[in-house]
Amino acid sequence: MKEVKASAIVLSSILKTAALEGIDPKPFLQKAGIQLNLEQLETGFVDVAAIDCLLNSLSEASSDHCFALRVGENFAFDYLPEVETYIATSTTLRDAEAVFEWIRRLINPLLDLAFVPDGKWVYLRLQHSFNAEDLDARCHNESIFAAISKFSKLIVNQRSEIASIEFDHPEPDNLDEYRRVFGIPMRFSQPYTQIRLHASLLDSPFKVGMPELREQAIRKMRQRMASTDLRLMTQRLLQCWSKSPVTLACSLEQMACTLTVSARTLQRRLKDESTNYAELQDQARFLRVKELLQQNVTMEDISEQLGFSDRRSFTRAFKRWSGASPRAWRNLHRTDETM
């Protein structure tokens, strides 16, 4: 993955956790290639791959390898207090859903959370917004969902309504710590990292809201988003493809029109961000293909959806990305139907 940036404010909870655990973060920051300037914490950017390296290194250095879980528990919207205010004054989970877009735009473009309905269940799912072959997602998932568990308590009074949490990584050695943090049934080695909820919970009122305070939080966030655009062109492309997968078949010129820039500007901006259109499109296509293979979509339909000229060219591309044919990859990663 090439230089996808997140806001430097994500470092705040990592540094706080390191201090609480008595770990000097300096050598780990140096290893990750992060030059820390506290004065620029609110306005600076950090490469997502560097954050991944930092989290994994600190987790390995901690005595019980639970560092990432505690980062999530220690997370606070210190620099975006209006987000926490909005969560606290929301009356239902659906009411709080707007924060997903705020967090994605202002904190980390790869924190792509969404409610996914499925019959009597609804899943709060972390979308596959980055390539698992490029980043070790486990520490990210641990910190993100530990933070979600913490903030869900601001809204959800009945934890029994949260049926389970699923992780796409294998069962960890520190399972007791997982039980302490989440306190609900867990499943591992699943297709997605997500929380499973009763669908009725989305619109169930949890508490009396504070509409005036909530409106103040909304106004403040709108002002912040109007004056601060943290999205680089790479992030805009990834988000566009994530929200509308049909655009993965678009040429550079077509996507430039979608993003309301010229093709030359799009090329130049991507070059400035140390990447190019073909590389990003391959990365996003690979992620989408893996999702479709999990859903048992036919090879012909996948090839057509993603804009390949024929199935043969799709198969060649997939072998280049993964080292295996699409059919072999599907058979290897076939999982039991989610309960």
C-alpha atoms as a PDB file:
ATOM      1  CA  MET A   1       0.000   0.000   0.000  1.00  0.00           C
ATOM      2  CA  LYS A   2       1.377   3.366  -1.022  1.00  0.00           C
ATOM      3  CA  GLU A   3       1.200   6.274   1.384  1.00  0.00           C
ATOM      4  CA  VAL A   4      -2.434   6.204   2.481  1.00  0.00           C
ATOM      5  CA  LYS A   5      -2.552   8.812   5.211  1.00  0.00           C
ATOM      6  CA  ALA A   6      -4.458   9.085   8.481  1.00  0.00           C
ATOM      7  CA  SER A   7      -4.695  12.034  10.829  1.00  0.00           C
ATOM      8  CA  ALA A   8      -1.821  12.166  13.319  1.00  0.00           C
ATOM      9  CA  ILE A   9      -4.348  12.409  16.168  1.00  0.00           C
ATOM     10  CA  VAL A  10      -4.552   8.602  16.098  1.00  0.00           C
ATOM     11  CA  LEU A  11      -1.112   8.630  17.727  1.00  0.00           C
ATOM     12  CA  SER A  12      -2.532  10.216  20.881  1.00  0.00           C
ATOM     13  CA  SER A  13      -4.090   7.031  22.314  1.00  0.00           C
ATOM     14  CA  ILE A  14      -1.053   4.976  21.250  1.00  0.00           C
ATOM     15  CA  LEU A  15       1.336   7.282  23.127  1.00  0.00           C
ATOM     16  CA  LYS A  16      -1.009   7.413  26.120  1.00  0.00           C
ATOM     17  CA  THR A  17      -1.106   3.612  26.292  1.00  0.00           C
ATOM     18  CA  ALA A  18       2.677   3.359  25.980  1.00  0.00           C
ATOM     19  CA  ALA A  19       3.072   5.791  28.897  1.00  0.00           C
ATOM     20  CA  LEU A  20       0.621   3.829  31.048  1.00  0.00           C
ATOM     21  CA  GLU A  21       2.510   0.600  30.327  1.00  0.00           C
ATOM     22  CA  GLY A  22       5.918   2.143  30.998  1.00  0.00           C
ATOM     23  CA  ILE A  23       7.130   1.698  27.412  1.00  0.00           C
ATOM     24  CA  ASP A  24       9.395   4.315  25.853  1.00  0.00           C
ATOM     25  CA  PRO A  25       7.795   4.885  22.427  1.00  0.00           C
ATOM     26  CA  LYS A  26      10.785   6.654  20.850  1.00  0.00           C
ATOM     27  CA  PRO A  27      12.587   3.601  19.396  1.00  0.00           C
ATOM     28  CA  PHE A  28       9.297   2.228  18.088  1.00  0.00           C
ATOM     29  CA  LEU A  29       8.423   5.545  16.433  1.00  0.00           C
ATOM     30  CA  GLN A  30      11.857   5.564  14.816  1.00  0.00           C
ATOM     31  CA  LYS A  31      11.415   1.976  13.596  1.00  0.00           C
ATOM     32  CA  ALA A  32       8.077   2.928  12.038  1.00  0.00           C
ATOM     33  CA  GLY A  33       9.604   6.004  10.412  1.00  0.00           C
ATOM     34  CA  ILE A  34       7.326   8.410  12.287  1.00  0.00           C
ATOM     35  CA  GLN A  35       8.777  11.801  13.129  1.00  0.00           C
ATOM     36  CA  LEU A  36       6.611  13.021  15.979  1.00  0.00           C
ATOM     37  CA  ASN A  37       5.842  16.703  16.391  1.00  0.00           C
ATOM     38  CA  LEU A  38       3.315  17.211  19.166  1.00  0.00           C
ATOM     39  CA  GLU A  39       2.550  20.716  17.925  1.00  0.00           C
ATOM     40  CA  GLN A  40       1.330  19.229  14.643  1.00  0.00           C
ATOM     41  CA  LEU A  41      -0.591  16.315  16.138  1.00  0.00           C
ATOM     42  CA  GLU A  42      -3.969  17.799  15.262  1.00  0.00           C
ATOM     43  CA  THR A  43      -3.080  18.914  11.731  1.00  0.00           C
ATOM     44  CA  GLY A  44      -0.440  16.383  10.631  1.00  0.00           C
ATOM     45  CA  PHE A  45      -0.708  13.096   8.727  1.00  0.00           C
ATOM     46  CA  VAL A  46       0.835   9.666   9.251  1.00  0.00           C
ATOM     47  CA  ASP A  47       1.216   6.825   6.768  1.00  0.00           C
ATOM     48  CA  VAL A  48      -1.238   4.042   7.688  1.00  0.00           C
ATOM     49  CA  ALA A  49       1.482   1.433   7.117  1.00  0.00           C
ATOM     50  CA  ALA A  50       3.665   3.245   9.675  1.00  0.00           C
ATOM     51  CA  ILE A  51       0.821   3.179  12.228  1.00  0.00           C
ATOM     52  CA  ASP A  52       0.437  -0.540  11.548  1.00  0.00           C
ATOM     53  CA  CYS A  53       4.158  -1.064  12.163  1.00  0.00           C
ATOM     54  CA  LEU A  54       4.037   0.989  15.370  1.00  0.00           C
ATOM     55  CA  LEU A  55       1.011  -0.859  16.779  1.00  0.00           C
ATOM     56  CA  ASN A  56       2.428  -4.284  16.010  1.00  0.00           C
ATOM     57  CA  SER A  57       5.861  -3.453  17.435  1.00  0.00           C
ATOM     58  CA  LEU A  58       4.423  -2.068  20.671  1.00  0.00           C
ATOM     59  CA  SER A  59       2.072  -5.038  20.975  1.00  0.00           C
ATOM     60  CA  GLU A  60       5.023  -7.412  20.683  1.00  0.00           C
ATOM     61  CA  ALA A  61       6.928  -5.407  23.288  1.00  0.00           C
ATOM     62  CA  SER A  62       4.090  -5.389  25.835  1.00  0.00           C
ATOM     63  CA  SER A  63       4.195  -8.065  28.509  1.00  0.00           C
ATOM     64  CA  ASP A  64       0.904  -9.734  27.526  1.00  0.00           C
ATOM     65  CA  HIS A  65       0.596  -8.652  23.861  1.00  0.00           C
ATOM     66  CA  CYS A  66      -2.657  -6.815  24.650  1.00  0.00           C
ATOM     67  CA  PHE A  67      -1.360  -3.366  23.756  1.00  0.00           C
ATOM     68  CA  ALA A  68      -3.725  -2.778  20.806  1.00  0.00           C
ATOM     69  CA  LEU A  69      -6.783  -3.700  22.896  1.00  0.00           C
ATOM     70  CA  ARG A  70      -5.799  -1.142  25.515  1.00  0.00           C
ATOM     71  CA  VAL A  71      -5.181   1.488  22.828  1.00  0.00           C
ATOM     72  CA  GLY A  72      -8.841   1.090  21.918  1.00  0.00           C
ATOM     73  CA  GLU A  73      -9.906   1.296  25.557  1.00  0.00           C
ATOM     74  CA  ASN A  74      -7.831   4.460  26.019  1.00  0.00           C
ATOM     75  CA  PHE A  75      -9.063   6.125  22.855  1.00  0.00           C
ATOM     76  CA  ALA A  76     -10.855   9.425  23.320  1.00  0.00           C
ATOM     77  CA  PHE A  77     -11.939  12.131  20.891  1.00  0.00           C
ATOM     78  CA  ASP A  78      -9.589  14.631  22.529  1.00  0.00           C
ATOM     79  CA  TYR A  79      -9.268  16.700  19.354  1.00  0.00           C
ATOM     80  CA  LEU A  80     -12.838  16.104  18.129  1.00  0.00           C
ATOM     81  CA  PRO A  81     -15.011  16.437  21.256  1.00  0.00           C
ATOM     82  CA  GLU A  82     -18.099  17.067  19.156  1.00  0.00           C
ATOM     83  CA  VAL A  83     -17.954  13.459  17.911  1.00  0.00           C
ATOM     84  CA  GLU A  84     -18.202  12.047  21.417  1.00  0.00           C
ATOM     85  CA  THR A  85     -20.947  14.577  22.228  1.00  0.00           C
ATOM     86  CA  TYR A  86     -22.926  13.448  19.195  1.00  0.00           C
ATOM     87  CA  ILE A  87     -22.576   9.775  20.186  1.00  0.00           C
ATOM     88  CA  ALA A  88     -23.609  10.485  23.777  1.00  0.00           C
ATOM     89  CA  THR A  89     -26.695  12.461  22.741  1.00  0.00           C
ATOM     90  CA  SER A  90     -27.897  10.035  20.050  1.00  0.00           C
ATOM     91  CA  THR A  91     -31.082   8.190  20.953  1.00  0.00           C
ATOM     92  CA  THR A  92     -30.581   5.127  18.711  1.00  0.00           C
ATOM     93  CA  LEU A  93     -27.757   3.369  16.917  1.00  0.00           C
ATOM     94  CA  ARG A  94     -29.113   4.492  13.552  1.00  0.00           C
ATOM     95  CA  ASP A  95     -29.116   8.037  14.914  1.00  0.00           C
ATOM     96  CA  ALA A  96     -25.388   7.709  15.676  1.00  0.00           C
ATOM     97  CA  GLU A  97     -24.491   6.307  12.244  1.00  0.00           C
ATOM     98  CA  ALA A  98     -23.374   9.699  10.897  1.00  0.00           C
ATOM     99  CA  VAL A  99     -20.191   9.488  12.972  1.00  0.00           C
ATOM    100  CA  PHE A 100     -18.867   6.755  10.657  1.00  0.00           C
ATOM    101  CA  GLU A 101     -18.459   9.238   7.814  1.00  0.00           C
ATOM    102  CA  TRP A 102     -16.978  11.876  10.122  1.00  0.00           C
ATOM    103  CA  ILE A 103     -14.409   9.440  11.476  1.00  0.00           C
ATOM    104  CA  ARG A 104     -13.545   8.188   7.993  1.00  0.00           C
ATOM    105  CA  ARG A 105     -13.042  11.687   6.635  1.00  0.00           C
ATOM    106  CA  LEU A 106     -11.375  13.396   9.578  1.00  0.00           C
ATOM    107  CA  ILE A 107      -9.421  10.651  11.336  1.00  0.00           C
ATOM    108  CA  ASN A 108      -8.637   7.619   9.183  1.00  0.00           C
ATOM    109  CA  PRO A 109      -9.989   6.859   5.667  1.00  0.00           C
ATOM    110  CA  LEU A 110      -9.534   3.136   6.273  1.00  0.00           C
ATOM    111  CA  LEU A 111     -11.918   3.102   9.253  1.00  0.00           C
ATOM    112  CA  ASP A 112     -14.728   2.197   6.906  1.00  0.00           C
ATOM    113  CA  LEU A 113     -17.549   1.111   9.229  1.00  0.00           C
ATOM    114  CA  ALA A 114     -21.090   0.416   8.107  1.00  0.00           C
ATOM    115  CA  PHE A 115     -24.281  -1.252   9.280  1.00  0.00           C
ATOM    116  CA  VAL A 116     -25.014  -4.277   7.051  1.00  0.00           C
ATOM    117  CA  PRO A 117     -28.537  -5.740   7.462  1.00  0.00           C
ATOM    118  CA  ASP A 118     -29.076  -9.486   7.174  1.00  0.00           C
ATOM    119  CA  GLY A 119     -32.578 -10.624   8.119  1.00  0.00           C
ATOM    120  CA  LYS A 120     -33.113 -10.487  11.863  1.00  0.00           C
ATOM    121  CA  TRP A 121     -29.489  -9.442  12.333  1.00  0.00           C
ATOM    122  CA  VAL A 122     -27.524  -6.344  11.483  1.00  0.00           C
ATOM    123  CA  TYR A 123     -23.729  -6.285  11.386  1.00  0.00           C
ATOM    124  CA  LEU A 124     -21.519  -3.365  12.316  1.00  0.00           C
ATOM    125  CA  ARG A 125     -18.818  -4.295   9.837  1.00  0.00           C
ATOM    126  CA  LEU A 126     -15.314  -3.026   9.241  1.00  0.00           C
ATOM    127  CA  GLN A 127     -15.193  -3.015   5.449  1.00  0.00           C
ATOM    128  CA  HIS A 128     -12.151  -4.464   3.697  1.00  0.00           C
ATOM    129  CA  SER A 129     -10.632  -1.084   2.866  1.00  0.00           C
ATOM    130  CA  PHE A 130      -7.002  -2.187   2.840  1.00  0.00           C
ATOM    131  CA  ASN A 131      -5.062  -5.099   1.480  1.00  0.00           C
ATOM    132  CA  ALA A 132      -4.441  -7.761   4.120  1.00  0.00           C
ATOM    133  CA  GLU A 133      -1.326  -8.786   2.222  1.00  0.00           C
ATOM    134  CA  ASP A 134       0.123  -5.309   2.747  1.00  0.00           C
ATOM    135  CA  LEU A 135      -0.932  -4.665   6.344  1.00  0.00           C
ATOM    136  CA  ASP A 136      -1.344  -6.925   9.352  1.00  0.00           C
ATOM    137  CA  ALA A 137      -4.882  -5.945  10.251  1.00  0.00           C
ATOM    138  CA  ARG A 138      -5.123  -7.709  13.590  1.00  0.00           C
ATOM    139  CA  CYS A 139      -3.867  -4.871  15.794  1.00  0.00           C
ATOM    140  CA  HIS A 140      -5.987  -2.381  13.865  1.00  0.00           C
ATOM    141  CA  ASN A 141      -9.070  -4.545  14.385  1.00  0.00           C
ATOM    142  CA  GLU A 142      -8.333  -4.994  18.077  1.00  0.00           C
ATOM    143  CA  SER A 143      -7.920  -1.285  18.754  1.00  0.00           C
ATOM    144  CA  ILE A 144     -10.892  -0.249  16.601  1.00  0.00           C
ATOM    145  CA  PHE A 145     -13.365  -2.684  18.111  1.00  0.00           C
ATOM    146  CA  ALA A 146     -12.152  -2.145  21.665  1.00  0.00           C
ATOM    147  CA  ALA A 147     -12.899   1.560  21.112  1.00  0.00           C
ATOM    148  CA  ILE A 148     -16.290   0.733  19.580  1.00  0.00           C
ATOM    149  CA  SER A 149     -17.108  -1.438  22.602  1.00  0.00           C
ATOM    150  CA  LYS A 150     -16.204   1.454  24.878  1.00  0.00           C
ATOM    151  CA  PHE A 151     -18.304   4.046  23.074  1.00  0.00           C
ATOM    152  CA  SER A 152     -21.263   1.719  22.517  1.00  0.00           C
ATOM    153  CA  LYS A 153     -21.806   1.868  26.261  1.00  0.00           C
ATOM    154  CA  LEU A 154     -22.678   5.550  25.837  1.00  0.00           C
ATOM    155  CA  ILE A 155     -25.767   4.453  23.882  1.00  0.00           C
ATOM    156  CA  VAL A 156     -26.527   0.776  24.424  1.00  0.00           C
ATOM    157  CA  ASN A 157     -27.822   0.020  27.890  1.00  0.00           C
ATOM    158  CA  GLN A 158     -28.688  -3.624  27.226  1.00  0.00           C
ATOM    159  CA  ARG A 159     -25.523  -5.457  26.276  1.00  0.00           C
ATOM    160  CA  SER A 160     -27.581  -8.634  25.777  1.00  0.00           C
ATOM    161  CA  GLU A 161     -28.871  -7.114  22.535  1.00  0.00           C
ATOM    162  CA  ILE A 162     -25.319  -7.360  21.135  1.00  0.00           C
ATOM    163  CA  ALA A 163     -25.229 -11.010  20.074  1.00  0.00           C
ATOM    164  CA  SER A 164     -21.551 -11.547  19.264  1.00  0.00           C
ATOM    165  CA  ILE A 165     -18.380 -10.160  17.771  1.00  0.00           C
ATOM    166  CA  GLU A 166     -16.504 -11.816  14.915  1.00  0.00           C
ATOM    167  CA  PHE A 167     -12.859 -11.403  13.927  1.00  0.00           C
ATOM    168  CA  ASP A 168     -11.165 -12.292  10.668  1.00  0.00           C
ATOM    169  CA  HIS A 169      -8.005 -13.422  12.466  1.00  0.00           C
ATOM    170  CA  PRO A 170      -7.462 -16.736  14.329  1.00  0.00           C
ATOM    171  CA  GLU A 171      -8.216 -17.180  18.024  1.00  0.00           C
ATOM    172  CA  PRO A 172      -5.504 -15.335  19.995  1.00  0.00           C
ATOM    173  CA  ASP A 173      -3.462 -16.609  22.913  1.00  0.00           C
ATOM    174  CA  ASN A 174      -4.743 -13.760  25.116  1.00  0.00           C
ATOM    175  CA  LEU A 175      -8.373 -14.894  24.898  1.00  0.00           C
ATOM    176  CA  ASP A 176      -9.113 -13.997  28.535  1.00  0.00           C
ATOM    177  CA  GLU A 177      -8.245 -10.361  27.803  1.00  0.00           C
ATOM    178  CA  TYR A 178     -10.615 -10.409  24.830  1.00  0.00           C
ATOM    179  CA  ARG A 179     -13.370 -11.691  27.131  1.00  0.00           C
ATOM    180  CA  ARG A 180     -12.657  -8.888  29.597  1.00  0.00           C
ATOM    181  CA  VAL A 181     -12.737  -6.162  26.955  1.00  0.00           C
ATOM    182  CA  PHE A 182     -15.742  -7.317  24.946  1.00  0.00           C
ATOM    183  CA  GLY A 183     -17.798  -9.375  27.381  1.00  0.00           C
ATOM    184  CA  ILE A 184     -19.853 -11.031  24.618  1.00  0.00           C
ATOM    185  CA  PRO A 185     -19.550 -14.290  22.616  1.00  0.00           C
ATOM    186  CA  MET A 186     -16.720 -14.233  20.073  1.00  0.00           C
ATOM    187  CA  ARG A 187     -15.922 -16.079  16.867  1.00  0.00           C
ATOM    188  CA  PHE A 188     -12.593 -16.089  15.058  1.00  0.00           C
ATOM    189  CA  SER A 189     -11.321 -16.808  11.526  1.00  0.00           C
ATOM    190  CA  GLN A 190     -14.486 -15.281  10.063  1.00  0.00           C
ATOM    191  CA  PRO A 191     -14.824 -13.531   6.664  1.00  0.00           C
ATOM    192  CA  TYR A 192     -15.184 -10.105   8.321  1.00  0.00           C
ATOM    193  CA  THR A 193     -14.453  -8.323  11.552  1.00  0.00           C
ATOM    194  CA  GLN A 194     -17.864  -7.207  12.757  1.00  0.00           C
ATOM    195  CA  ILE A 195     -20.347  -6.998  15.610  1.00  0.00           C
ATOM    196  CA  ARG A 196     -23.616  -8.929  15.256  1.00  0.00           C
ATOM    197  CA  LEU A 197     -26.684  -7.186  16.633  1.00  0.00           C
ATOM    198  CA  HIS A 198     -30.407  -7.821  16.669  1.00  0.00           C
ATOM    199  CA  ALA A 199     -31.796  -5.705  13.817  1.00  0.00           C
ATOM    200  CA  SER A 200     -34.429  -4.217  16.114  1.00  0.00           C
ATOM    201  CA  LEU A 201     -31.650  -2.559  18.102  1.00  0.00           C
ATOM    202  CA  LEU A 202     -30.953  -0.066  15.307  1.00  0.00           C
ATOM    203  CA  ASP A 203     -34.097   1.911  16.022  1.00  0.00           C
ATOM    204  CA  SER A 204     -34.720   1.035  19.669  1.00  0.00           C
ATOM    205  CA  PRO A 205     -34.600   4.164  21.853  1.00  0.00           C
ATOM    206  CA  PHE A 206     -31.953   3.907  24.547  1.00  0.00           C
ATOM    207  CA  LYS A 207     -32.291   7.119  26.459  1.00  0.00           C
ATOM    208  CA  VAL A 208     -33.766  10.590  26.380  1.00  0.00           C
ATOM    209  CA  GLY A 209     -31.680  12.667  24.001  1.00  0.00           C
ATOM    210  CA  MET A 210     -30.434  16.217  24.395  1.00  0.00           C
ATOM    211  CA  PRO A 211     -31.438  17.746  21.044  1.00  0.00           C
ATOM    212  CA  GLU A 212     -29.932  21.202  21.637  1.00  0.00           C
ATOM    213  CA  LEU A 213     -26.523  19.786  22.563  1.00  0.00           C
ATOM    214  CA  ARG A 214     -26.721  17.344  19.676  1.00  0.00           C
ATOM    215  CA  GLU A 215     -27.451  20.152  17.200  1.00  0.00           C
ATOM    216  CA  GLN A 216     -24.462  22.085  18.520  1.00  0.00           C
ATOM    217  CA  ALA A 217     -22.262  19.048  17.895  1.00  0.00           C
ATOM    218  CA  ILE A 218     -23.613  18.736  14.336  1.00  0.00           C
ATOM    219  CA  ARG A 219     -22.968  22.417  13.577  1.00  0.00           C
ATOM    220  CA  LYS A 220     -19.431  22.195  14.948  1.00  0.00           C
ATOM    221  CA  MET A 221     -18.657  19.081  12.919  1.00  0.00           C
ATOM    222  CA  ARG A 222     -20.035  20.629   9.723  1.00  0.00           C
ATOM    223  CA  GLN A 223     -17.832  23.676  10.272  1.00  0.00           C
ATOM    224  CA  ARG A 224     -14.809  21.465  10.828  1.00  0.00           C
ATOM    225  CA  MET A 225     -15.461  19.394   7.722  1.00  0.00           C
ATOM    226  CA  ALA A 226     -16.002  22.510   5.630  1.00  0.00           C
ATOM    227  CA  SER A 227     -12.685  24.012   6.725  1.00  0.00           C
ATOM    228  CA  THR A 228     -10.613  20.834   6.929  1.00  0.00           C
ATOM    229  CA  ASP A 229     -10.294  18.323   4.118  1.00  0.00           C
ATOM    230  CA  LEU A 230      -7.911  15.552   5.158  1.00  0.00           C
ATOM    231  CA  ARG A 231      -8.606  13.394   2.125  1.00  0.00           C
ATOM    232  CA  LEU A 232      -5.781  12.912  -0.330  1.00  0.00           C
ATOM    233  CA  MET A 233      -6.575  11.830  -3.884  1.00  0.00           C
ATOM    234  CA  THR A 234      -5.642   8.236  -3.023  1.00  0.00           C
ATOM    235  CA  GLN A 235      -8.190   8.261  -0.225  1.00  0.00           C
ATOM    236  CA  ARG A 236     -10.879   9.802  -2.425  1.00  0.00           C
ATOM    237  CA  LEU A 237     -10.414   7.047  -4.985  1.00  0.00           C
ATOM    238  CA  LEU A 238     -10.488   4.257  -2.409  1.00  0.00           C
ATOM    239  CA  GLN A 239     -13.630   5.677  -0.813  1.00  0.00           C
ATOM    240  CA  CYS A 240     -15.344   6.106  -4.175  1.00  0.00           C
ATOM    241  CA  TRP A 241     -14.606   2.507  -5.154  1.00  0.00           C
ATOM    242  CA  SER A 242     -15.708   1.253  -1.739  1.00  0.00           C
ATOM    243  CA  LYS A 243     -19.057   3.063  -1.906  1.00  0.00           C
ATOM    244  CA  SER A 244     -19.700   2.288  -5.591  1.00  0.00           C
ATOM    245  CA  PRO A 245     -17.870  -0.894  -6.680  1.00  0.00           C
ATOM    246  CA  VAL A 246     -19.171  -0.528 -10.260  1.00  0.00           C
ATOM    247  CA  THR A 247     -16.700   2.337 -10.695  1.00  0.00           C
ATOM    248  CA  LEU A 248     -13.847  -0.172 -10.399  1.00  0.00           C
ATOM    249  CA  ALA A 249     -14.407  -0.807 -14.112  1.00  0.00           C
ATOM    250  CA  CYS A 250     -13.829   2.880 -14.933  1.00  0.00           C
ATOM    251  CA  SER A 251     -10.809   4.191 -16.789  1.00  0.00           C
ATOM    252  CA  LEU A 252      -8.620   6.931 -15.359  1.00  0.00           C
ATOM    253  CA  GLU A 253     -10.419   9.490 -17.542  1.00  0.00           C
ATOM    254  CA  GLN A 254     -13.842   8.325 -16.346  1.00  0.00           C
ATOM    255  CA  MET A 255     -12.811   8.446 -12.682  1.00  0.00           C
ATOM    256  CA  ALA A 256     -11.324  11.904 -13.179  1.00  0.00           C
ATOM    257  CA  CYS A 257     -14.762  13.087 -14.331  1.00  0.00           C
ATOM    258  CA  THR A 258     -16.378  11.415 -11.324  1.00  0.00           C
ATOM    259  CA  LEU A 259     -13.951  13.221  -9.005  1.00  0.00           C
ATOM    260  CA  THR A 260     -14.423  16.505 -10.933  1.00  0.00           C
ATOM    261  CA  VAL A 261     -10.751  16.880 -11.830  1.00  0.00           C
ATOM    262  CA  SER A 262      -8.906  16.589 -15.116  1.00  0.00           C
ATOM    263  CA  ALA A 263      -7.170  13.322 -16.013  1.00  0.00           C
ATOM    264  CA  ARG A 264      -3.817  15.113 -15.935  1.00  0.00           C
ATOM    265  CA  THR A 265      -4.524  16.497 -12.443  1.00  0.00           C
ATOM    266  CA  LEU A 266      -5.516  13.057 -11.201  1.00  0.00           C
ATOM    267  CA  GLN A 267      -2.303  11.537 -12.574  1.00  0.00           C
ATOM    268  CA  ARG A 268      -0.170  14.305 -11.072  1.00  0.00           C
ATOM    269  CA  ARG A 269      -1.841  14.113  -7.653  1.00  0.00           C
ATOM    270  CA  LEU A 270      -1.415  10.336  -7.491  1.00  0.00           C
ATOM    271  CA  LYS A 271       2.242  10.659  -8.518  1.00  0.00           C
ATOM    272  CA  ASP A 272       2.745  13.196  -5.706  1.00  0.00           C
ATOM    273  CA  GLU A 273       1.312  10.580  -3.337  1.00  0.00           C
ATOM    274  CA  SER A 274       3.834   7.971  -4.608  1.00  0.00           C
ATOM    275  CA  THR A 275       1.336   5.810  -6.471  1.00  0.00           C
ATOM    276  CA  ASN A 276      -0.540   5.596  -9.776  1.00  0.00           C
ATOM    277  CA  TYR A 277      -4.035   4.810 -11.014  1.00  0.00           C
ATOM    278  CA  ALA A 278      -3.332   1.280 -12.285  1.00  0.00           C
ATOM    279  CA  GLU A 279      -1.703   0.239  -9.008  1.00  0.00           C
ATOM    280  CA  LEU A 280      -4.575   1.570  -6.882  1.00  0.00           C
ATOM    281  CA  GLN A 281      -7.190   0.071  -9.184  1.00  0.00           C
ATOM    282  CA  ASP A 282      -5.496  -3.336  -8.979  1.00  0.00           C
ATOM    283  CA  GLN A 283      -5.406  -3.091  -5.194  1.00  0.00           C
ATOM    284  CA  ALA A 284      -9.097  -2.175  -4.965  1.00  0.00           C
ATOM    285  CA  ARG A 285     -10.117  -4.772  -7.544  1.00  0.00           C
ATOM    286  CA  PHE A 286      -8.301  -7.492  -5.624  1.00  0.00           C
ATOM    287  CA  LEU A 287     -10.163  -6.582  -2.431  1.00  0.00           C
ATOM    288  CA  ARG A 288     -13.496  -6.583  -4.255  1.00  0.00           C
ATOM    289  CA  VAL A 289     -12.779  -9.877  -6.006  1.00  0.00           C
ATOM    290  CA  LYS A 290     -12.092 -11.574  -2.665  1.00  0.00           C
ATOM    291  CA  GLU A 291     -15.438 -10.348  -1.339  1.00  0.00           C
ATOM    292  CA  LEU A 292     -17.273 -11.612  -4.431  1.00  0.00           C
ATOM    293  CA  LEU A 293     -15.511 -14.977  -4.293  1.00  0.00           C
ATOM    294  CA  GLN A 294     -16.664 -15.352  -0.697  1.00  0.00           C
ATOM    295  CA  GLN A 295     -20.218 -14.681  -1.932  1.00  0.00           C
ATOM    296  CA  ASN A 296     -19.942 -17.426  -4.599  1.00  0.00           C
ATOM    297  CA  VAL A 297     -20.437 -14.991  -7.489  1.00  0.00           C
ATOM    298  CA  THR A 298     -19.524 -16.647 -10.803  1.00  0.00           C
ATOM    299  CA  MET A 299     -16.163 -15.926 -12.419  1.00  0.00           C
ATOM    300  CA  GLU A 300     -17.914 -14.522 -15.496  1.00  0.00           C
ATOM    301  CA  ASP A 301     -19.948 -12.061 -13.414  1.00  0.00           C
ATOM    302  CA  ILE A 302     -16.890 -10.963 -11.440  1.00  0.00           C
ATOM    303  CA  SER A 303     -14.939 -10.403 -14.646  1.00  0.00           C
ATOM    304  CA  GLU A 304     -17.763  -8.317 -16.102  1.00  0.00           C
ATOM    305  CA  GLN A 305     -18.388  -6.297 -12.919  1.00  0.00           C
ATOM    306  CA  LEU A 306     -14.747  -5.274 -12.606  1.00  0.00           C
ATOM    307  CA  GLY A 307     -14.270  -4.318 -16.251  1.00  0.00           C
ATOM    308  CA  PHE A 308     -12.017  -7.124 -17.500  1.00  0.00           C
ATOM    309  CA  SER A 309     -12.221  -7.857 -21.215  1.00  0.00           C
ATOM    310  CA  ASP A 310     -12.857 -11.555 -20.590  1.00  0.00           C
ATOM    311  CA  ARG A 311     -12.555 -14.253 -17.939  1.00  0.00           C
ATOM    312  CA  ARG A 312      -9.067 -15.191 -19.095  1.00  0.00           C
ATOM    313  CA  SER A 313      -7.675 -11.692 -18.455  1.00  0.00           C
ATOM    314  CA  PHE A 314      -9.381 -11.668 -15.052  1.00  0.00           C
ATOM    315  CA  THR A 315      -7.791 -15.014 -14.139  1.00  0.00           C
ATOM    316  CA  ARG A 316      -4.332 -13.779 -15.209  1.00  0.00           C
ATOM    317  CA  ALA A 317      -4.717 -10.644 -13.106  1.00  0.00           C
ATOM    318  CA  PHE A 318      -5.865 -12.595 -10.058  1.00  0.00           C
ATOM    319  CA  LYS A 319      -2.911 -14.984 -10.318  1.00  0.00           C
ATOM    320  CA  ARG A 320      -0.611 -11.968 -10.463  1.00  0.00           C
ATOM    321  CA  TRP A 321      -2.197 -10.531  -7.304  1.00  0.00           C
ATOM    322  CA  SER A 322      -2.471 -13.693  -5.213  1.00  0.00           C
ATOM    323  CA  GLY A 323      -0.294 -16.375  -6.800  1.00  0.00           C
ATOM    324  CA  ALA A 324      -3.332 -18.659  -7.198  1.00  0.00           C
ATOM    325  CA  SER A 325      -6.263 -19.006  -9.564  1.00  0.00           C
ATOM    326  CA  PRO A 326      -9.618 -17.558  -8.447  1.00  0.00           C
ATOM    327  CA  ARG A 327     -11.116 -21.053  -8.136  1.00  0.00           C
ATOM    328  CA  ALA A 328      -8.193 -22.315  -6.027  1.00  0.00           C
ATOM    329  CA  TRP A 329      -8.359 -19.236  -3.796  1.00  0.00           C
ATOM    330  CA  ARG A 330     -12.126 -19.674  -3.301  1.00  0.00           C
ATOM    331  CA  ASN A 331     -11.719 -23.335  -2.349  1.00  0.00           C
ATOM    332  CA  LEU A 332      -8.906 -22.498   0.073  1.00  0.00           C
ATOM    333  CA  HIS A 333     -10.801 -19.674   1.791  1.00  0.00           C
ATOM    334  CA  ARG A 334     -14.277 -21.191   1.756  1.00  0.00           C
ATOM    335  CA  THR A 335     -15.777 -20.705   5.207  1.00  0.00           C
ATOM    336  CA  ASP A 336     -18.824 -22.006   6.981  1.00  0.00           C
ATOM    337  CA  GLU A 337     -21.957 -19.938   6.591  1.00  0.00           C
ATOM    338  CA  THR A 338     -22.078 -17.165   9.180  1.00  0.00           C
ATOM    339  CA  MET A 339     -24.507 -18.069  11.901  1.00  0.00           C
END
